[in-house]
Amino acid sequence: AYSDHARQVLAAKAWSQASQQLEQVRQSELAELAG
């Protein structure tokens, strides 16, 4: 049902969100280690 551009935008949204979540987990691990 999605156009190619819509697929690209949705994929970008999924990638961006997952990247941000991974960065939060990384920062949390570093903070835990520093603590």
ModelCIF file with pLDDT and N, C-alpha, C, O atoms, coordinates in Angstrom:
data_MODEL
#
_entry.id   MODEL 
#
_entity.id                         1 
_entity.type                       polymer 
_entity.pdbx_number_of_molecules   1 
#
_entity_poly.entity_id                      1 
_entity_poly.type                           'polypeptide(L)' 
_entity_poly.nstd_linkage                   no 
_entity_poly.nstd_monomer                   no 
_entity_poly.pdbx_seq_one_letter_code       AYSDHARQVLAAKAWSQASQQLEQVRQSELAELAG 
_entity_poly.pdbx_seq_one_letter_code_can   AYSDHARQVLAAKAWSQASQQLEQVRQSELAELAG 
_entity_poly.pdbx_strand_id                 A 
#
loop_
_entity_poly_seq.entity_id 
_entity_poly_seq.num 
_entity_poly_seq.mon_id 
_entity_poly_seq.hetero 
1 1  ALA n 
1 2  TYR n 
1 3  SER n 
1 4  ASP n 
1 5  HIS n 
1 6  ALA n 
1 7  ARG n 
1 8  GLN n 
1 9  VAL n 
1 10 LEU n 
1 11 ALA n 
1 12 ALA n 
1 13 LYS n 
1 14 ALA n 
1 15 TRP n 
1 16 SER n 
1 17 GLN n 
1 18 ALA n 
1 19 SER n 
1 20 GLN n 
1 21 GLN n 
1 22 LEU n 
1 23 GLU n 
1 24 GLN n 
1 25 VAL n 
1 26 ARG n 
1 27 GLN n 
1 28 SER n 
1 29 GLU n 
1 30 LEU n 
1 31 ALA n 
1 32 GLU n 
1 33 LEU n 
1 34 ALA n 
1 35 GLY n 
#
_struct_asym.id          A 
_struct_asym.entity_id   1 
#
loop_
_ma_qa_metric.id 
_ma_qa_metric.mode 
_ma_qa_metric.name 
_ma_qa_metric.software_group_id 
_ma_qa_metric.type 
1 global pLDDT . pLDDT 
2 local  pLDDT . pLDDT 
#
_ma_qa_metric_global.metric_id      1 
_ma_qa_metric_global.metric_value   92.69 
_ma_qa_metric_global.model_id       1 
_ma_qa_metric_global.ordinal_id     1 
#
loop_
_ma_qa_metric_local.label_asym_id 
_ma_qa_metric_local.label_comp_id 
_ma_qa_metric_local.label_seq_id 
_ma_qa_metric_local.metric_id 
_ma_qa_metric_local.metric_value 
_ma_qa_metric_local.model_id 
_ma_qa_metric_local.ordinal_id 
A ALA 1  2 90.00 1 1  
A TYR 2  2 89.00 1 2  
A SER 3  2 88.00 1 3  
A ASP 4  2 88.00 1 4  
A HIS 5  2 89.00 1 5  
A ALA 6  2 90.00 1 6  
A ARG 7  2 90.00 1 7  
A GLN 8  2 90.00 1 8  
A VAL 9  2 92.00 1 9  
A LEU 10 2 93.00 1 10 
A ALA 11 2 92.00 1 11 
A ALA 12 2 93.00 1 12 
A LYS 13 2 94.00 1 13 
A ALA 14 2 94.00 1 14 
A TRP 15 2 93.00 1 15 
A SER 16 2 94.00 1 16 
A GLN 17 2 95.00 1 17 
A ALA 18 2 96.00 1 18 
A SER 19 2 95.00 1 19 
A GLN 20 2 95.00 1 20 
A GLN 21 2 96.00 1 21 
A LEU 22 2 96.00 1 22 
A GLU 23 2 95.00 1 23 
A GLN 24 2 96.00 1 24 
A VAL 25 2 96.00 1 25 
A ARG 26 2 94.00 1 26 
A GLN 27 2 94.00 1 27 
A SER 28 2 95.00 1 28 
A GLU 29 2 92.00 1 29 
A LEU 30 2 91.00 1 30 
A ALA 31 2 92.00 1 31 
A GLU 32 2 93.00 1 32 
A LEU 33 2 92.00 1 33 
A ALA 34 2 90.00 1 34 
A GLY 35 2 92.00 1 35 
#
loop_
_atom_site.group_PDB 
_atom_site.id 
_atom_site.type_symbol 
_atom_site.label_atom_id 
_atom_site.label_alt_id 
_atom_site.label_comp_id 
_atom_site.label_asym_id 
_atom_site.label_entity_id 
_atom_site.label_seq_id 
_atom_site.pdbx_PDB_ins_code 
_atom_site.Cartn_x 
_atom_site.Cartn_y 
_atom_site.Cartn_z 
_atom_site.occupancy 
_atom_site.B_iso_or_equiv 
_atom_site.pdbx_formal_charge 
_atom_site.auth_seq_id 
_atom_site.auth_comp_id 
_atom_site.auth_asym_id 
_atom_site.auth_atom_id 
_atom_site.pdbx_PDB_model_num 
ATOM 1   N N  . ALA A 1 1  ? 0.822  -1.208 0.000  1.00 90.00 ? 1  ALA A N  1 
ATOM 2   C CA . ALA A 1 1  ? 0.000  0.000  0.000  1.00 90.00 ? 1  ALA A CA 1 
ATOM 3   C C  . ALA A 1 1  ? 0.857  1.259  0.000  1.00 90.00 ? 1  ALA A C  1 
ATOM 4   O O  . ALA A 1 1  ? 0.366  2.341  -0.323 1.00 90.00 ? 1  ALA A O  1 
ATOM 5   N N  . TYR A 1 2  ? 2.122  1.130  0.356  1.00 89.00 ? 2  TYR A N  1 
ATOM 6   C CA . TYR A 1 2  ? 3.017  2.290  0.415  1.00 89.00 ? 2  TYR A CA 1 
ATOM 7   C C  . TYR A 1 2  ? 3.694  2.531  -0.920 1.00 89.00 ? 2  TYR A C  1 
ATOM 8   O O  . TYR A 1 2  ? 4.036  1.595  -1.642 1.00 89.00 ? 2  TYR A O  1 
ATOM 9   N N  . SER A 1 3  ? 3.878  3.797  -1.232 1.00 88.00 ? 3  SER A N  1 
ATOM 10  C CA . SER A 1 3  ? 4.692  4.159  -2.401 1.00 88.00 ? 3  SER A CA 1 
ATOM 11  C C  . SER A 1 3  ? 6.157  3.928  -2.040 1.00 88.00 ? 3  SER A C  1 
ATOM 12  O O  . SER A 1 3  ? 6.492  3.725  -0.872 1.00 88.00 ? 3  SER A O  1 
ATOM 13  N N  . ASP A 1 4  ? 7.032  3.959  -3.055 1.00 88.00 ? 4  ASP A N  1 
ATOM 14  C CA . ASP A 1 4  ? 8.462  3.788  -2.791 1.00 88.00 ? 4  ASP A CA 1 
ATOM 15  C C  . ASP A 1 4  ? 8.978  4.869  -1.845 1.00 88.00 ? 4  ASP A C  1 
ATOM 16  O O  . ASP A 1 4  ? 9.770  4.596  -0.944 1.00 88.00 ? 4  ASP A O  1 
ATOM 17  N N  . HIS A 1 5  ? 8.514  6.106  -2.064 1.00 89.00 ? 5  HIS A N  1 
ATOM 18  C CA . HIS A 1 5  ? 8.962  7.197  -1.195 1.00 89.00 ? 5  HIS A CA 1 
ATOM 19  C C  . HIS A 1 5  ? 8.453  7.001  0.238  1.00 89.00 ? 5  HIS A C  1 
ATOM 20  O O  . HIS A 1 5  ? 9.180  7.254  1.199  1.00 89.00 ? 5  HIS A O  1 
ATOM 21  N N  . ALA A 1 6  ? 7.211  6.551  0.374  1.00 90.00 ? 6  ALA A N  1 
ATOM 22  C CA . ALA A 1 6  ? 6.662  6.309  1.712  1.00 90.00 ? 6  ALA A CA 1 
ATOM 23  C C  . ALA A 1 6  ? 7.448  5.209  2.414  1.00 90.00 ? 6  ALA A C  1 
ATOM 24  O O  . ALA A 1 6  ? 7.721  5.309  3.610  1.00 90.00 ? 6  ALA A O  1 
ATOM 25  N N  . ARG A 1 7  ? 7.816  4.158  1.676  1.00 90.00 ? 7  ARG A N  1 
ATOM 26  C CA . ARG A 1 7  ? 8.643  3.091  2.251  1.00 90.00 ? 7  ARG A CA 1 
ATOM 27  C C  . ARG A 1 7  ? 9.986  3.645  2.726  1.00 90.00 ? 7  ARG A C  1 
ATOM 28  O O  . ARG A 1 7  ? 10.484 3.273  3.788  1.00 90.00 ? 7  ARG A O  1 
ATOM 29  N N  . GLN A 1 8  ? 10.561 4.536  1.921  1.00 90.00 ? 8  GLN A N  1 
ATOM 30  C CA . GLN A 1 8  ? 11.854 5.122  2.277  1.00 90.00 ? 8  GLN A CA 1 
ATOM 31  C C  . GLN A 1 8  ? 11.716 5.982  3.545  1.00 90.00 ? 8  GLN A C  1 
ATOM 32  O O  . GLN A 1 8  ? 12.570 5.922  4.430  1.00 90.00 ? 8  GLN A O  1 
ATOM 33  N N  . VAL A 1 9  ? 10.656 6.770  3.628  1.00 92.00 ? 9  VAL A N  1 
ATOM 34  C CA . VAL A 1 9  ? 10.434 7.608  4.804  1.00 92.00 ? 9  VAL A CA 1 
ATOM 35  C C  . VAL A 1 9  ? 10.197 6.734  6.037  1.00 92.00 ? 9  VAL A C  1 
ATOM 36  O O  . VAL A 1 9  ? 10.765 6.993  7.098  1.00 92.00 ? 9  VAL A O  1 
ATOM 37  N N  . LEU A 1 10 ? 9.372  5.714  5.904  1.00 93.00 ? 10 LEU A N  1 
ATOM 38  C CA . LEU A 1 10 ? 9.093  4.832  7.047  1.00 93.00 ? 10 LEU A CA 1 
ATOM 39  C C  . LEU A 1 10 ? 10.345 4.078  7.489  1.00 93.00 ? 10 LEU A C  1 
ATOM 40  O O  . LEU A 1 10 ? 10.578 3.891  8.683  1.00 93.00 ? 10 LEU A O  1 
ATOM 41  N N  . ALA A 1 11 ? 11.147 3.647  6.518  1.00 92.00 ? 11 ALA A N  1 
ATOM 42  C CA . ALA A 1 11 ? 12.402 2.964  6.849  1.00 92.00 ? 11 ALA A CA 1 
ATOM 43  C C  . ALA A 1 11 ? 13.345 3.932  7.571  1.00 92.00 ? 11 ALA A C  1 
ATOM 44  O O  . ALA A 1 11 ? 14.027 3.548  8.522  1.00 92.00 ? 11 ALA A O  1 
ATOM 45  N N  . ALA A 1 12 ? 13.378 5.169  7.123  1.00 93.00 ? 12 ALA A N  1 
ATOM 46  C CA . ALA A 1 12 ? 14.215 6.179  7.781  1.00 93.00 ? 12 ALA A CA 1 
ATOM 47  C C  . ALA A 1 12 ? 13.736 6.415  9.211  1.00 93.00 ? 12 ALA A C  1 
ATOM 48  O O  . ALA A 1 12 ? 14.543 6.552  10.131 1.00 93.00 ? 12 ALA A O  1 
ATOM 49  N N  . LYS A 1 13 ? 12.406 6.460  9.390  1.00 94.00 ? 13 LYS A N  1 
ATOM 50  C CA . LYS A 1 13 ? 11.861 6.651  10.738 1.00 94.00 ? 13 LYS A CA 1 
ATOM 51  C C  . LYS A 1 13 ? 12.237 5.475  11.640 1.00 94.00 ? 13 LYS A C  1 
ATOM 52  O O  . LYS A 1 13 ? 12.639 5.672  12.787 1.00 94.00 ? 13 LYS A O  1 
ATOM 53  N N  . ALA A 1 14 ? 12.106 4.264  11.125 1.00 94.00 ? 14 ALA A N  1 
ATOM 54  C CA . ALA A 1 14 ? 12.451 3.075  11.914 1.00 94.00 ? 14 ALA A CA 1 
ATOM 55  C C  . ALA A 1 14 ? 13.942 3.077  12.257 1.00 94.00 ? 14 ALA A C  1 
ATOM 56  O O  . ALA A 1 14 ? 14.324 2.803  13.394 1.00 94.00 ? 14 ALA A O  1 
ATOM 57  N N  . TRP A 1 15 ? 14.783 3.391  11.261 1.00 93.00 ? 15 TRP A N  1 
ATOM 58  C CA . TRP A 1 15 ? 16.233 3.427  11.487 1.00 93.00 ? 15 TRP A CA 1 
ATOM 59  C C  . TRP A 1 15 ? 16.604 4.512  12.493 1.00 93.00 ? 15 TRP A C  1 
ATOM 60  O O  . TRP A 1 15 ? 17.403 4.274  13.399 1.00 93.00 ? 15 TRP A O  1 
ATOM 61  N N  . SER A 1 16 ? 16.031 5.691  12.337 1.00 94.00 ? 16 SER A N  1 
ATOM 62  C CA . SER A 1 16 ? 16.340 6.808  13.230 1.00 94.00 ? 16 SER A CA 1 
ATOM 63  C C  . SER A 1 16 ? 15.932 6.485  14.666 1.00 94.00 ? 16 SER A C  1 
ATOM 64  O O  . SER A 1 16 ? 16.694 6.731  15.601 1.00 94.00 ? 16 SER A O  1 
ATOM 65  N N  . GLN A 1 17 ? 14.743 5.942  14.838 1.00 95.00 ? 17 GLN A N  1 
ATOM 66  C CA . GLN A 1 17 ? 14.256 5.603  16.169 1.00 95.00 ? 17 GLN A CA 1 
ATOM 67  C C  . GLN A 1 17 ? 15.128 4.519  16.801 1.00 95.00 ? 17 GLN A C  1 
ATOM 68  O O  . GLN A 1 17 ? 15.521 4.643  17.961 1.00 95.00 ? 17 GLN A O  1 
ATOM 69  N N  . ALA A 1 18 ? 15.428 3.474  16.060 1.00 96.00 ? 18 ALA A N  1 
ATOM 70  C CA . ALA A 1 18 ? 16.252 2.386  16.591 1.00 96.00 ? 18 ALA A CA 1 
ATOM 71  C C  . ALA A 1 18 ? 17.669 2.884  16.913 1.00 96.00 ? 18 ALA A C  1 
ATOM 72  O O  . ALA A 1 18 ? 18.255 2.476  17.916 1.00 96.00 ? 18 ALA A O  1 
ATOM 73  N N  . SER A 1 19 ? 18.214 3.758  16.072 1.00 95.00 ? 19 SER A N  1 
ATOM 74  C CA . SER A 1 19 ? 19.552 4.314  16.329 1.00 95.00 ? 19 SER A CA 1 
ATOM 75  C C  . SER A 1 19 ? 19.557 5.113  17.624 1.00 95.00 ? 19 SER A C  1 
ATOM 76  O O  . SER A 1 19 ? 20.489 5.010  18.422 1.00 95.00 ? 19 SER A O  1 
ATOM 77  N N  . GLN A 1 20 ? 18.517 5.906  17.826 1.00 95.00 ? 20 GLN A N  1 
ATOM 78  C CA . GLN A 1 20 ? 18.424 6.699  19.056 1.00 95.00 ? 20 GLN A CA 1 
ATOM 79  C C  . GLN A 1 20 ? 18.279 5.798  20.283 1.00 95.00 ? 20 GLN A C  1 
ATOM 80  O O  . GLN A 1 20 ? 18.874 6.063  21.327 1.00 95.00 ? 20 GLN A O  1 
ATOM 81  N N  . GLN A 1 21 ? 17.494 4.745  20.153 1.00 96.00 ? 21 GLN A N  1 
ATOM 82  C CA . GLN A 1 21 ? 17.329 3.814  21.270 1.00 96.00 ? 21 GLN A CA 1 
ATOM 83  C C  . GLN A 1 21 ? 18.649 3.114  21.588 1.00 96.00 ? 21 GLN A C  1 
ATOM 84  O O  . GLN A 1 21 ? 18.998 2.940  22.756 1.00 96.00 ? 21 GLN A O  1 
ATOM 85  N N  . LEU A 1 22 ? 19.380 2.714  20.550 1.00 96.00 ? 22 LEU A N  1 
ATOM 86  C CA . LEU A 1 22 ? 20.679 2.067  20.772 1.00 96.00 ? 22 LEU A CA 1 
ATOM 87  C C  . LEU A 1 22 ? 21.656 3.031  21.442 1.00 96.00 ? 22 LEU A C  1 
ATOM 88  O O  . LEU A 1 22 ? 22.427 2.623  22.310 1.00 96.00 ? 22 LEU A O  1 
ATOM 89  N N  . GLU A 1 23 ? 21.633 4.293  21.053 1.00 95.00 ? 23 GLU A N  1 
ATOM 90  C CA . GLU A 1 23 ? 22.510 5.280  21.676 1.00 95.00 ? 23 GLU A CA 1 
ATOM 91  C C  . GLU A 1 23 ? 22.147 5.468  23.146 1.00 95.00 ? 23 GLU A C  1 
ATOM 92  O O  . GLU A 1 23 ? 23.032 5.639  23.983 1.00 95.00 ? 23 GLU A O  1 
ATOM 93  N N  . GLN A 1 24 ? 20.863 5.438  23.466 1.00 96.00 ? 24 GLN A N  1 
ATOM 94  C CA . GLN A 1 24 ? 20.443 5.550  24.867 1.00 96.00 ? 24 GLN A CA 1 
ATOM 95  C C  . GLN A 1 24 ? 20.945 4.358  25.676 1.00 96.00 ? 24 GLN A C  1 
ATOM 96  O O  . GLN A 1 24 ? 21.403 4.524  26.807 1.00 96.00 ? 24 GLN A O  1 
ATOM 97  N N  . VAL A 1 25 ? 20.862 3.159  25.104 1.00 96.00 ? 25 VAL A N  1 
ATOM 98  C CA . VAL A 1 25 ? 21.357 1.962  25.795 1.00 96.00 ? 25 VAL A CA 1 
ATOM 99  C C  . VAL A 1 25 ? 22.869 2.069  25.989 1.00 96.00 ? 25 VAL A C  1 
ATOM 100 O O  . VAL A 1 25 ? 23.383 1.730  27.055 1.00 96.00 ? 25 VAL A O  1 
ATOM 101 N N  . ARG A 1 26 ? 23.582 2.538  24.968 1.00 94.00 ? 26 ARG A N  1 
ATOM 102 C CA . ARG A 1 26 ? 25.034 2.692  25.058 1.00 94.00 ? 26 ARG A CA 1 
ATOM 103 C C  . ARG A 1 26 ? 25.392 3.683  26.158 1.00 94.00 ? 26 ARG A C  1 
ATOM 104 O O  . ARG A 1 26 ? 26.261 3.412  26.986 1.00 94.00 ? 26 ARG A O  1 
ATOM 105 N N  . GLN A 1 27 ? 24.715 4.839  26.162 1.00 94.00 ? 27 GLN A N  1 
ATOM 106 C CA . GLN A 1 27 ? 24.979 5.843  27.184 1.00 94.00 ? 27 GLN A CA 1 
ATOM 107 C C  . GLN A 1 27 ? 24.650 5.322  28.583 1.00 94.00 ? 27 GLN A C  1 
ATOM 108 O O  . GLN A 1 27 ? 25.357 5.618  29.546 1.00 94.00 ? 27 GLN A O  1 
ATOM 109 N N  . SER A 1 28 ? 23.583 4.551  28.684 1.00 95.00 ? 28 SER A N  1 
ATOM 110 C CA . SER A 1 28 ? 23.202 3.969  29.963 1.00 95.00 ? 28 SER A CA 1 
ATOM 111 C C  . SER A 1 28 ? 24.277 2.997  30.454 1.00 95.00 ? 28 SER A C  1 
ATOM 112 O O  . SER A 1 28 ? 24.611 2.996  31.639 1.00 95.00 ? 28 SER A O  1 
ATOM 113 N N  . GLU A 1 29 ? 24.815 2.179  29.563 1.00 92.00 ? 29 GLU A N  1 
ATOM 114 C CA . GLU A 1 29 ? 25.885 1.248  29.933 1.00 92.00 ? 29 GLU A CA 1 
ATOM 115 C C  . GLU A 1 29 ? 27.126 2.002  30.388 1.00 92.00 ? 29 GLU A C  1 
ATOM 116 O O  . GLU A 1 29 ? 27.763 1.620  31.369 1.00 92.00 ? 29 GLU A O  1 
ATOM 117 N N  . LEU A 1 30 ? 27.473 3.079  29.674 1.00 91.00 ? 30 LEU A N  1 
ATOM 118 C CA . LEU A 1 30 ? 28.642 3.872  30.054 1.00 91.00 ? 30 LEU A CA 1 
ATOM 119 C C  . LEU A 1 30 ? 28.431 4.531  31.418 1.00 91.00 ? 30 LEU A C  1 
ATOM 120 O O  . LEU A 1 30 ? 29.351 4.580  32.234 1.00 91.00 ? 30 LEU A O  1 
ATOM 121 N N  . ALA A 1 31 ? 27.223 5.037  31.664 1.00 92.00 ? 31 ALA A N  1 
ATOM 122 C CA . ALA A 1 31 ? 26.929 5.674  32.951 1.00 92.00 ? 31 ALA A CA 1 
ATOM 123 C C  . ALA A 1 31 ? 26.977 4.648  34.077 1.00 92.00 ? 31 ALA A C  1 
ATOM 124 O O  . ALA A 1 31 ? 27.484 4.935  35.162 1.00 92.00 ? 31 ALA A O  1 
ATOM 125 N N  . GLU A 1 32 ? 26.455 3.465  33.822 1.00 93.00 ? 32 GLU A N  1 
ATOM 126 C CA . GLU A 1 32 ? 26.484 2.399  34.829 1.00 93.00 ? 32 GLU A CA 1 
ATOM 127 C C  . GLU A 1 32 ? 27.930 2.008  35.134 1.00 93.00 ? 32 GLU A C  1 
ATOM 128 O O  . GLU A 1 32 ? 28.290 1.814  36.296 1.00 93.00 ? 32 GLU A O  1 
ATOM 129 N N  . LEU A 1 33 ? 28.748 1.893  34.105 1.00 92.00 ? 33 LEU A N  1 
ATOM 130 C CA . LEU A 1 33 ? 30.157 1.557  34.284 1.00 92.00 ? 33 LEU A CA 1 
ATOM 131 C C  . LEU A 1 33 ? 30.879 2.656  35.061 1.00 92.00 ? 33 LEU A C  1 
ATOM 132 O O  . LEU A 1 33 ? 31.648 2.364  35.977 1.00 92.00 ? 33 LEU A O  1 
ATOM 133 N N  . ALA A 1 34 ? 30.641 3.898  34.708 1.00 90.00 ? 34 ALA A N  1 
ATOM 134 C CA . ALA A 1 34 ? 31.273 5.020  35.412 1.00 90.00 ? 34 ALA A CA 1 
ATOM 135 C C  . ALA A 1 34 ? 30.837 5.048  36.875 1.00 90.00 ? 34 ALA A C  1 
ATOM 136 O O  . ALA A 1 34 ? 31.648 5.320  37.761 1.00 90.00 ? 34 ALA A O  1 
ATOM 137 N N  . GLY A 1 35 ? 29.566 4.768  37.127 1.00 92.00 ? 35 GLY A N  1 
ATOM 138 C CA . GLY A 1 35 ? 29.066 4.719  38.498 1.00 92.00 ? 35 GLY A CA 1 
ATOM 139 C C  . GLY A 1 35 ? 29.717 3.603  39.295 1.00 92.00 ? 35 GLY A C  1 
ATOM 140 O O  . GLY A 1 35 ? 29.406 3.423  40.473 1.00 92.00 ? 35 GLY A O  1 
#
